[in-house]
Amino acid sequence: MKNIVMDKLTKFYSEPSFNEYLDEALLSDPERNYCLCFLSKTIQREDFNDMQYLVLKQLANIVRMNVREQDIVGRRGSGIIILMPDFESVDAYVFATKIKGIFDGYVFTHLDSGENFSATLEYKISEFPLNGIDRKELIDFLDMSDWNPVFEDDDDF
């Protein structure tokens, strides 16, 4: 990678650095399975949207404690994106539901008012090569997908 830039808030790769890493991974080992998992949070009270950074920082902490050593994590807009080598969609789904269970149970405190509030986590998953053969196709699949995909083939579970 040429210029690695880390996001100051989450301490994960910036979006451009993550994209560069993803491109290199897909080109270097096209026979390997990869999953992308995009996690995005929503604060339940619109009047507390000024706490977005606090909520994203907590999500980053939860992700950091639960990813594998070989996973690559980046910030994508107001969410977090994870490249998971040797994972299939079912594996990423199990991971995402675990993170959602932890995150959705967390109670935040507004820094100014002291009031408690909560946030919920949504996720999207794409798999290489099933949902795309390059970064653009995988990201486009994420962007067009429904939140929290339900797998039609229940035999996988």
N, C-alpha and C. Protein backbone atom coordinates (compact mmCIF):
# COMPACT_ATOMS: atom_id res chain seq x y z
N MET A 1 0.84 -1.19 0.00
CA MET A 1 0.00 0.00 0.00
C MET A 1 0.88 1.24 0.00
N LYS A 2 0.45 2.22 -0.75
CA LYS A 2 1.25 3.43 -0.89
C LYS A 2 1.15 4.33 0.33
N ASN A 3 -0.01 4.87 0.58
CA ASN A 3 -0.20 5.82 1.67
C ASN A 3 -1.27 5.31 2.62
N ILE A 4 -0.85 4.75 3.73
CA ILE A 4 -1.80 4.25 4.72
C ILE A 4 -2.24 5.43 5.58
N VAL A 5 -3.53 5.66 5.60
CA VAL A 5 -4.09 6.72 6.42
C VAL A 5 -5.10 6.09 7.36
N MET A 6 -4.94 6.39 8.63
CA MET A 6 -5.85 5.86 9.64
C MET A 6 -6.87 6.93 10.00
N ASP A 7 -8.10 6.50 10.24
CA ASP A 7 -9.15 7.39 10.69
C ASP A 7 -8.87 7.77 12.15
N LYS A 8 -8.90 9.04 12.46
CA LYS A 8 -8.54 9.51 13.80
C LYS A 8 -9.52 9.06 14.88
N LEU A 9 -10.79 8.97 14.55
CA LEU A 9 -11.80 8.62 15.55
C LEU A 9 -11.78 7.12 15.87
N THR A 10 -11.82 6.29 14.84
CA THR A 10 -11.96 4.85 15.05
C THR A 10 -10.62 4.12 15.16
N LYS A 11 -9.55 4.74 14.66
CA LYS A 11 -8.23 4.11 14.58
C LYS A 11 -8.22 2.92 13.62
N PHE A 12 -9.15 2.92 12.67
CA PHE A 12 -9.19 1.94 11.60
C PHE A 12 -8.71 2.63 10.33
N TYR A 13 -8.52 1.84 9.25
CA TYR A 13 -8.13 2.44 7.97
C TYR A 13 -9.16 3.47 7.52
N SER A 14 -8.68 4.54 6.91
CA SER A 14 -9.58 5.49 6.26
C SER A 14 -10.22 4.78 5.07
N GLU A 15 -11.30 5.34 4.55
CA GLU A 15 -11.97 4.69 3.43
C GLU A 15 -11.06 4.51 2.22
N PRO A 16 -10.29 5.54 1.80
CA PRO A 16 -9.39 5.33 0.65
C PRO A 16 -8.32 4.26 0.92
N SER A 17 -7.77 4.23 2.13
CA SER A 17 -6.76 3.22 2.46
C SER A 17 -7.38 1.83 2.47
N PHE A 18 -8.58 1.70 3.01
CA PHE A 18 -9.27 0.42 3.02
C PHE A 18 -9.53 -0.05 1.59
N ASN A 19 -10.00 0.85 0.74
CA ASN A 19 -10.27 0.50 -0.66
C ASN A 19 -9.01 0.02 -1.37
N GLU A 20 -7.89 0.67 -1.10
CA GLU A 20 -6.64 0.26 -1.71
C GLU A 20 -6.25 -1.14 -1.22
N TYR A 21 -6.40 -1.39 0.06
CA TYR A 21 -6.08 -2.70 0.62
C TYR A 21 -6.99 -3.77 0.01
N LEU A 22 -8.28 -3.46 -0.12
CA LEU A 22 -9.24 -4.40 -0.71
C LEU A 22 -8.86 -4.73 -2.15
N ASP A 23 -8.53 -3.72 -2.93
CA ASP A 23 -8.11 -3.96 -4.32
C ASP A 23 -6.91 -4.90 -4.37
N GLU A 24 -5.92 -4.64 -3.54
CA GLU A 24 -4.71 -5.47 -3.53
C GLU A 24 -5.03 -6.91 -3.11
N ALA A 25 -5.89 -7.07 -2.11
CA ALA A 25 -6.23 -8.42 -1.64
C ALA A 25 -6.93 -9.22 -2.72
N LEU A 26 -7.88 -8.61 -3.42
CA LEU A 26 -8.64 -9.31 -4.45
C LEU A 26 -7.75 -9.67 -5.65
N LEU A 27 -6.81 -8.80 -5.98
CA LEU A 27 -5.91 -9.07 -7.10
C LEU A 27 -4.84 -10.10 -6.75
N SER A 28 -4.38 -10.09 -5.51
CA SER A 28 -3.28 -10.97 -5.14
C SER A 28 -3.70 -12.42 -4.95
N ASP A 29 -4.97 -12.64 -4.59
CA ASP A 29 -5.42 -14.01 -4.34
C ASP A 29 -6.87 -14.18 -4.79
N PRO A 30 -7.10 -14.21 -6.12
CA PRO A 30 -8.47 -14.26 -6.64
C PRO A 30 -9.20 -15.58 -6.38
N GLU A 31 -8.49 -16.60 -5.90
CA GLU A 31 -9.12 -17.89 -5.60
C GLU A 31 -9.66 -17.94 -4.17
N ARG A 32 -9.33 -16.99 -3.37
CA ARG A 32 -9.69 -16.97 -1.96
C ARG A 32 -11.09 -16.39 -1.78
N ASN A 33 -11.83 -16.89 -0.79
CA ASN A 33 -13.13 -16.30 -0.45
C ASN A 33 -12.92 -15.11 0.48
N TYR A 34 -13.71 -14.07 0.25
CA TYR A 34 -13.70 -12.90 1.12
C TYR A 34 -15.15 -12.47 1.35
N CYS A 35 -15.39 -11.88 2.49
CA CYS A 35 -16.67 -11.22 2.73
C CYS A 35 -16.39 -9.79 3.14
N LEU A 36 -17.30 -8.92 2.74
CA LEU A 36 -17.32 -7.56 3.25
C LEU A 36 -18.53 -7.45 4.15
N CYS A 37 -18.34 -6.87 5.31
CA CYS A 37 -19.44 -6.65 6.24
C CYS A 37 -19.47 -5.16 6.56
N PHE A 38 -20.58 -4.50 6.25
CA PHE A 38 -20.73 -3.07 6.53
C PHE A 38 -21.68 -2.91 7.70
N LEU A 39 -21.23 -2.20 8.73
CA LEU A 39 -22.02 -1.97 9.94
C LEU A 39 -22.34 -0.49 10.04
N SER A 40 -23.61 -0.19 10.27
CA SER A 40 -24.03 1.21 10.38
C SER A 40 -24.97 1.35 11.57
N LYS A 41 -24.79 2.43 12.32
CA LYS A 41 -25.60 2.63 13.52
C LYS A 41 -26.64 3.72 13.31
N THR A 42 -27.73 3.60 14.06
CA THR A 42 -28.78 4.61 14.05
C THR A 42 -29.13 4.96 15.48
N ILE A 43 -29.07 6.22 15.81
CA ILE A 43 -29.46 6.68 17.15
C ILE A 43 -30.98 6.77 17.20
N GLN A 44 -31.56 6.26 18.26
CA GLN A 44 -33.01 6.14 18.36
C GLN A 44 -33.72 7.48 18.60
N ARG A 45 -33.01 8.48 19.08
CA ARG A 45 -33.61 9.80 19.29
C ARG A 45 -32.95 10.79 18.35
N GLU A 46 -33.75 11.34 17.44
CA GLU A 46 -33.19 12.27 16.45
C GLU A 46 -32.56 13.49 17.10
N ASP A 47 -33.09 13.92 18.24
CA ASP A 47 -32.54 15.10 18.89
C ASP A 47 -31.18 14.82 19.54
N PHE A 48 -30.72 13.57 19.52
CA PHE A 48 -29.42 13.22 20.06
C PHE A 48 -28.41 12.91 18.95
N ASN A 49 -28.69 13.30 17.73
CA ASN A 49 -27.78 13.02 16.62
C ASN A 49 -26.43 13.70 16.78
N ASP A 50 -26.32 14.66 17.71
CA ASP A 50 -25.03 15.28 17.98
C ASP A 50 -24.07 14.31 18.66
N MET A 51 -24.54 13.13 19.01
CA MET A 51 -23.72 12.11 19.67
C MET A 51 -23.23 11.03 18.70
N GLN A 52 -23.32 11.29 17.38
CA GLN A 52 -22.92 10.30 16.37
C GLN A 52 -21.49 9.80 16.58
N TYR A 53 -20.57 10.72 16.88
CA TYR A 53 -19.17 10.33 17.03
C TYR A 53 -18.95 9.44 18.24
N LEU A 54 -19.64 9.74 19.34
CA LEU A 54 -19.55 8.90 20.53
C LEU A 54 -20.04 7.49 20.24
N VAL A 55 -21.15 7.39 19.51
CA VAL A 55 -21.73 6.09 19.18
C VAL A 55 -20.81 5.33 18.23
N LEU A 56 -20.25 6.00 17.23
CA LEU A 56 -19.34 5.35 16.30
C LEU A 56 -18.08 4.87 17.02
N LYS A 57 -17.59 5.64 17.95
CA LYS A 57 -16.40 5.23 18.70
C LYS A 57 -16.69 3.98 19.52
N GLN A 58 -17.87 3.87 20.12
CA GLN A 58 -18.22 2.67 20.87
C GLN A 58 -18.36 1.47 19.94
N LEU A 59 -18.98 1.68 18.78
CA LEU A 59 -19.07 0.60 17.79
C LEU A 59 -17.68 0.13 17.40
N ALA A 60 -16.76 1.05 17.18
CA ALA A 60 -15.38 0.70 16.82
C ALA A 60 -14.75 -0.15 17.93
N ASN A 61 -14.99 0.20 19.17
CA ASN A 61 -14.43 -0.57 20.28
C ASN A 61 -14.98 -1.99 20.30
N ILE A 62 -16.27 -2.14 20.06
CA ILE A 62 -16.89 -3.47 20.04
C ILE A 62 -16.33 -4.29 18.89
N VAL A 63 -16.21 -3.69 17.72
CA VAL A 63 -15.67 -4.39 16.56
C VAL A 63 -14.23 -4.82 16.84
N ARG A 64 -13.44 -3.90 17.38
CA ARG A 64 -12.03 -4.19 17.65
C ARG A 64 -11.87 -5.41 18.55
N MET A 65 -12.76 -5.58 19.51
CA MET A 65 -12.66 -6.70 20.45
C MET A 65 -13.15 -8.02 19.85
N ASN A 66 -13.79 -7.97 18.66
CA ASN A 66 -14.41 -9.17 18.11
C ASN A 66 -13.91 -9.61 16.75
N VAL A 67 -13.08 -8.81 16.09
CA VAL A 67 -12.57 -9.23 14.79
C VAL A 67 -11.39 -10.17 14.97
N ARG A 68 -11.15 -10.95 13.93
CA ARG A 68 -9.99 -11.83 13.93
C ARG A 68 -8.74 -11.04 13.53
N GLU A 69 -7.60 -11.58 13.82
CA GLU A 69 -6.35 -10.90 13.51
C GLU A 69 -6.19 -10.63 12.02
N GLN A 70 -6.69 -11.53 11.17
CA GLN A 70 -6.52 -11.37 9.72
C GLN A 70 -7.57 -10.45 9.08
N ASP A 71 -8.59 -10.03 9.82
CA ASP A 71 -9.61 -9.13 9.28
C ASP A 71 -9.04 -7.71 9.15
N ILE A 72 -9.47 -7.01 8.12
CA ILE A 72 -9.05 -5.63 7.88
C ILE A 72 -10.28 -4.75 8.07
N VAL A 73 -10.14 -3.73 8.90
CA VAL A 73 -11.27 -2.89 9.28
C VAL A 73 -11.03 -1.46 8.84
N GLY A 74 -12.07 -0.85 8.28
CA GLY A 74 -11.98 0.54 7.85
C GLY A 74 -13.23 1.31 8.21
N ARG A 75 -13.10 2.60 8.16
CA ARG A 75 -14.27 3.47 8.35
C ARG A 75 -14.81 3.79 6.98
N ARG A 76 -16.13 3.67 6.84
CA ARG A 76 -16.80 4.02 5.59
C ARG A 76 -17.94 4.96 5.94
N GLY A 77 -17.75 6.24 5.68
CA GLY A 77 -18.77 7.23 6.02
C GLY A 77 -19.03 7.22 7.52
N SER A 78 -20.28 7.02 7.90
CA SER A 78 -20.63 7.00 9.32
C SER A 78 -20.67 5.58 9.86
N GLY A 79 -20.10 4.63 9.11
CA GLY A 79 -20.12 3.24 9.54
C GLY A 79 -18.74 2.61 9.48
N ILE A 80 -18.72 1.30 9.65
CA ILE A 80 -17.48 0.53 9.66
C ILE A 80 -17.62 -0.60 8.65
N ILE A 81 -16.54 -0.83 7.89
CA ILE A 81 -16.53 -1.89 6.90
C ILE A 81 -15.38 -2.85 7.23
N ILE A 82 -15.64 -4.14 7.09
CA ILE A 82 -14.66 -5.15 7.47
C ILE A 82 -14.44 -6.11 6.29
N LEU A 83 -13.19 -6.33 5.94
CA LEU A 83 -12.82 -7.34 4.96
C LEU A 83 -12.46 -8.59 5.74
N MET A 84 -13.17 -9.69 5.45
CA MET A 84 -13.00 -10.94 6.19
C MET A 84 -12.52 -12.03 5.25
N PRO A 85 -11.20 -12.30 5.24
CA PRO A 85 -10.68 -13.37 4.40
C PRO A 85 -11.17 -14.75 4.87
N ASP A 86 -11.38 -15.63 3.92
CA ASP A 86 -11.78 -17.02 4.19
C ASP A 86 -13.13 -17.11 4.91
N PHE A 87 -13.98 -16.13 4.70
CA PHE A 87 -15.33 -16.14 5.25
C PHE A 87 -16.32 -16.24 4.10
N GLU A 88 -17.43 -16.91 4.35
CA GLU A 88 -18.55 -16.91 3.44
C GLU A 88 -19.65 -16.07 4.07
N SER A 89 -20.72 -15.81 3.32
CA SER A 89 -21.80 -14.96 3.82
C SER A 89 -22.36 -15.44 5.15
N VAL A 90 -22.50 -16.74 5.31
CA VAL A 90 -23.05 -17.29 6.56
C VAL A 90 -22.15 -16.94 7.74
N ASP A 91 -20.83 -17.05 7.56
CA ASP A 91 -19.88 -16.71 8.62
C ASP A 91 -19.99 -15.22 8.98
N ALA A 92 -20.07 -14.37 7.96
CA ALA A 92 -20.19 -12.93 8.19
C ALA A 92 -21.51 -12.60 8.87
N TYR A 93 -22.56 -13.31 8.51
CA TYR A 93 -23.86 -13.12 9.15
C TYR A 93 -23.79 -13.43 10.64
N VAL A 94 -23.14 -14.53 11.01
CA VAL A 94 -22.98 -14.89 12.42
C VAL A 94 -22.19 -13.81 13.15
N PHE A 95 -21.11 -13.33 12.54
CA PHE A 95 -20.32 -12.26 13.13
C PHE A 95 -21.17 -11.00 13.33
N ALA A 96 -21.87 -10.58 12.28
CA ALA A 96 -22.65 -9.34 12.35
C ALA A 96 -23.77 -9.42 13.38
N THR A 97 -24.44 -10.56 13.49
CA THR A 97 -25.51 -10.68 14.48
C THR A 97 -24.93 -10.66 15.90
N LYS A 98 -23.73 -11.19 16.06
CA LYS A 98 -23.08 -11.11 17.37
C LYS A 98 -22.79 -9.66 17.73
N ILE A 99 -22.20 -8.92 16.81
CA ILE A 99 -21.89 -7.50 17.05
C ILE A 99 -23.18 -6.73 17.31
N LYS A 100 -24.24 -7.01 16.53
CA LYS A 100 -25.53 -6.34 16.73
C LYS A 100 -26.08 -6.61 18.12
N GLY A 101 -25.98 -7.85 18.58
CA GLY A 101 -26.48 -8.19 19.91
C GLY A 101 -25.76 -7.42 21.01
N ILE A 102 -24.46 -7.26 20.87
CA ILE A 102 -23.68 -6.50 21.86
C ILE A 102 -24.03 -5.02 21.77
N PHE A 103 -24.00 -4.49 20.55
CA PHE A 103 -24.19 -3.05 20.35
C PHE A 103 -25.60 -2.60 20.72
N ASP A 104 -26.61 -3.35 20.30
CA ASP A 104 -28.00 -2.94 20.56
C ASP A 104 -28.32 -2.93 22.04
N GLY A 105 -27.55 -3.62 22.86
CA GLY A 105 -27.78 -3.63 24.30
C GLY A 105 -27.05 -2.54 25.05
N TYR A 106 -26.25 -1.75 24.35
CA TYR A 106 -25.44 -0.73 24.99
C TYR A 106 -26.27 0.53 25.27
N VAL A 107 -26.11 1.11 26.45
CA VAL A 107 -26.80 2.35 26.82
C VAL A 107 -25.78 3.48 26.81
N PHE A 108 -26.07 4.52 26.05
CA PHE A 108 -25.22 5.70 25.95
C PHE A 108 -25.77 6.80 26.85
N THR A 109 -24.89 7.72 27.23
CA THR A 109 -25.30 8.87 28.01
C THR A 109 -24.94 10.13 27.24
N HIS A 110 -25.94 11.00 27.04
CA HIS A 110 -25.71 12.25 26.33
C HIS A 110 -24.75 13.10 27.15
N LEU A 111 -23.72 13.63 26.51
CA LEU A 111 -22.68 14.35 27.24
C LEU A 111 -23.18 15.66 27.85
N ASP A 112 -24.15 16.31 27.24
CA ASP A 112 -24.65 17.58 27.77
C ASP A 112 -25.78 17.39 28.77
N SER A 113 -26.80 16.62 28.38
CA SER A 113 -28.00 16.50 29.21
C SER A 113 -27.89 15.39 30.26
N GLY A 114 -27.01 14.44 30.04
CA GLY A 114 -26.90 13.31 30.97
C GLY A 114 -27.98 12.26 30.77
N GLU A 115 -28.86 12.46 29.80
CA GLU A 115 -29.93 11.49 29.53
C GLU A 115 -29.36 10.25 28.83
N ASN A 116 -29.96 9.12 29.14
CA ASN A 116 -29.57 7.88 28.48
C ASN A 116 -30.29 7.75 27.14
N PHE A 117 -29.63 7.12 26.21
CA PHE A 117 -30.24 6.84 24.90
C PHE A 117 -29.62 5.58 24.34
N SER A 118 -30.22 5.05 23.30
CA SER A 118 -29.71 3.83 22.69
C SER A 118 -29.55 4.04 21.18
N ALA A 119 -28.90 3.09 20.58
CA ALA A 119 -28.70 3.08 19.13
C ALA A 119 -28.88 1.64 18.67
N THR A 120 -29.18 1.47 17.40
CA THR A 120 -29.30 0.13 16.84
C THR A 120 -28.29 -0.02 15.71
N LEU A 121 -27.96 -1.26 15.46
CA LEU A 121 -26.98 -1.57 14.43
C LEU A 121 -27.67 -2.30 13.29
N GLU A 122 -27.32 -1.90 12.08
CA GLU A 122 -27.77 -2.59 10.87
C GLU A 122 -26.52 -3.04 10.14
N TYR A 123 -26.65 -4.08 9.33
CA TYR A 123 -25.49 -4.56 8.61
C TYR A 123 -25.88 -5.05 7.22
N LYS A 124 -24.88 -5.02 6.35
CA LYS A 124 -24.99 -5.54 5.00
C LYS A 124 -23.76 -6.39 4.73
N ILE A 125 -23.94 -7.41 3.91
CA ILE A 125 -22.85 -8.34 3.64
C ILE A 125 -22.75 -8.58 2.14
N SER A 126 -21.52 -8.61 1.63
CA SER A 126 -21.29 -9.06 0.25
C SER A 126 -20.13 -10.04 0.27
N GLU A 127 -20.15 -10.95 -0.69
CA GLU A 127 -19.16 -12.03 -0.72
C GLU A 127 -18.46 -12.06 -2.07
N PHE A 128 -17.14 -12.22 -2.03
CA PHE A 128 -16.32 -12.38 -3.23
C PHE A 128 -16.05 -13.86 -3.41
N PRO A 129 -16.27 -14.41 -4.57
CA PRO A 129 -16.68 -13.81 -5.84
C PRO A 129 -18.19 -13.87 -6.09
N LEU A 130 -18.97 -14.38 -5.15
CA LEU A 130 -20.41 -14.57 -5.35
C LEU A 130 -21.13 -13.28 -5.74
N ASN A 131 -20.84 -12.16 -5.07
CA ASN A 131 -21.57 -10.92 -5.30
C ASN A 131 -20.78 -9.89 -6.10
N GLY A 132 -19.60 -10.24 -6.54
CA GLY A 132 -18.81 -9.31 -7.33
C GLY A 132 -17.39 -9.82 -7.48
N ILE A 133 -16.76 -9.39 -8.58
CA ILE A 133 -15.40 -9.86 -8.85
C ILE A 133 -14.35 -8.78 -8.63
N ASP A 134 -14.78 -7.59 -8.20
CA ASP A 134 -13.82 -6.54 -7.87
C ASP A 134 -14.45 -5.63 -6.81
N ARG A 135 -13.66 -4.67 -6.32
CA ARG A 135 -14.12 -3.79 -5.25
C ARG A 135 -15.40 -3.06 -5.63
N LYS A 136 -15.44 -2.52 -6.83
CA LYS A 136 -16.61 -1.74 -7.24
C LYS A 136 -17.88 -2.58 -7.17
N GLU A 137 -17.83 -3.79 -7.72
CA GLU A 137 -19.01 -4.66 -7.71
C GLU A 137 -19.40 -5.06 -6.29
N LEU A 138 -18.43 -5.34 -5.44
CA LEU A 138 -18.74 -5.72 -4.06
C LEU A 138 -19.36 -4.56 -3.28
N ILE A 139 -18.81 -3.37 -3.46
CA ILE A 139 -19.35 -2.19 -2.78
C ILE A 139 -20.72 -1.84 -3.34
N ASP A 140 -20.88 -1.93 -4.67
CA ASP A 140 -22.21 -1.67 -5.27
C ASP A 140 -23.24 -2.65 -4.72
N PHE A 141 -22.86 -3.92 -4.57
CA PHE A 141 -23.78 -4.91 -4.00
C PHE A 141 -24.17 -4.52 -2.58
N LEU A 142 -23.19 -4.09 -1.79
CA LEU A 142 -23.51 -3.63 -0.43
C LEU A 142 -24.50 -2.47 -0.47
N ASP A 143 -24.22 -1.50 -1.33
CA ASP A 143 -25.05 -0.30 -1.39
C ASP A 143 -26.48 -0.60 -1.85
N MET A 144 -26.65 -1.62 -2.67
CA MET A 144 -27.99 -1.94 -3.19
C MET A 144 -28.72 -2.97 -2.32
N SER A 145 -28.01 -3.61 -1.39
CA SER A 145 -28.61 -4.67 -0.58
C SER A 145 -29.54 -4.12 0.49
N ASP A 146 -30.42 -5.00 0.95
CA ASP A 146 -31.25 -4.68 2.11
C ASP A 146 -30.41 -4.82 3.36
N TRP A 147 -30.81 -4.10 4.40
CA TRP A 147 -30.15 -4.24 5.69
C TRP A 147 -30.50 -5.60 6.28
N ASN A 148 -29.56 -6.16 7.03
CA ASN A 148 -29.75 -7.43 7.75
C ASN A 148 -30.32 -8.50 6.84
N PRO A 149 -29.52 -8.99 5.90
CA PRO A 149 -30.03 -9.98 4.95
C PRO A 149 -30.46 -11.27 5.65
N VAL A 150 -31.50 -11.85 5.12
CA VAL A 150 -31.98 -13.14 5.60
C VAL A 150 -31.66 -14.15 4.52
N PHE A 151 -30.99 -15.22 4.89
CA PHE A 151 -30.60 -16.21 3.91
C PHE A 151 -31.78 -17.14 3.64
N GLU A 152 -32.05 -17.37 2.36
CA GLU A 152 -33.18 -18.22 1.99
C GLU A 152 -32.89 -19.69 2.21
N ASP A 153 -31.62 -20.07 2.15
CA ASP A 153 -31.25 -21.47 2.32
C ASP A 153 -30.98 -21.77 3.79
N ASP A 154 -32.01 -22.22 4.50
CA ASP A 154 -31.88 -22.48 5.92
C ASP A 154 -31.00 -23.69 6.23
N ASP A 155 -30.63 -24.47 5.21
CA ASP A 155 -29.78 -25.64 5.44
C ASP A 155 -28.38 -25.23 5.90
N ASP A 156 -28.01 -23.96 5.67
CA ASP A 156 -26.68 -23.51 6.08
C ASP A 156 -26.55 -23.36 7.58
N PHE A 157 -27.64 -23.35 8.29
CA PHE A 157 -27.59 -23.10 9.74
C PHE A 157 -27.80 -24.37 10.52
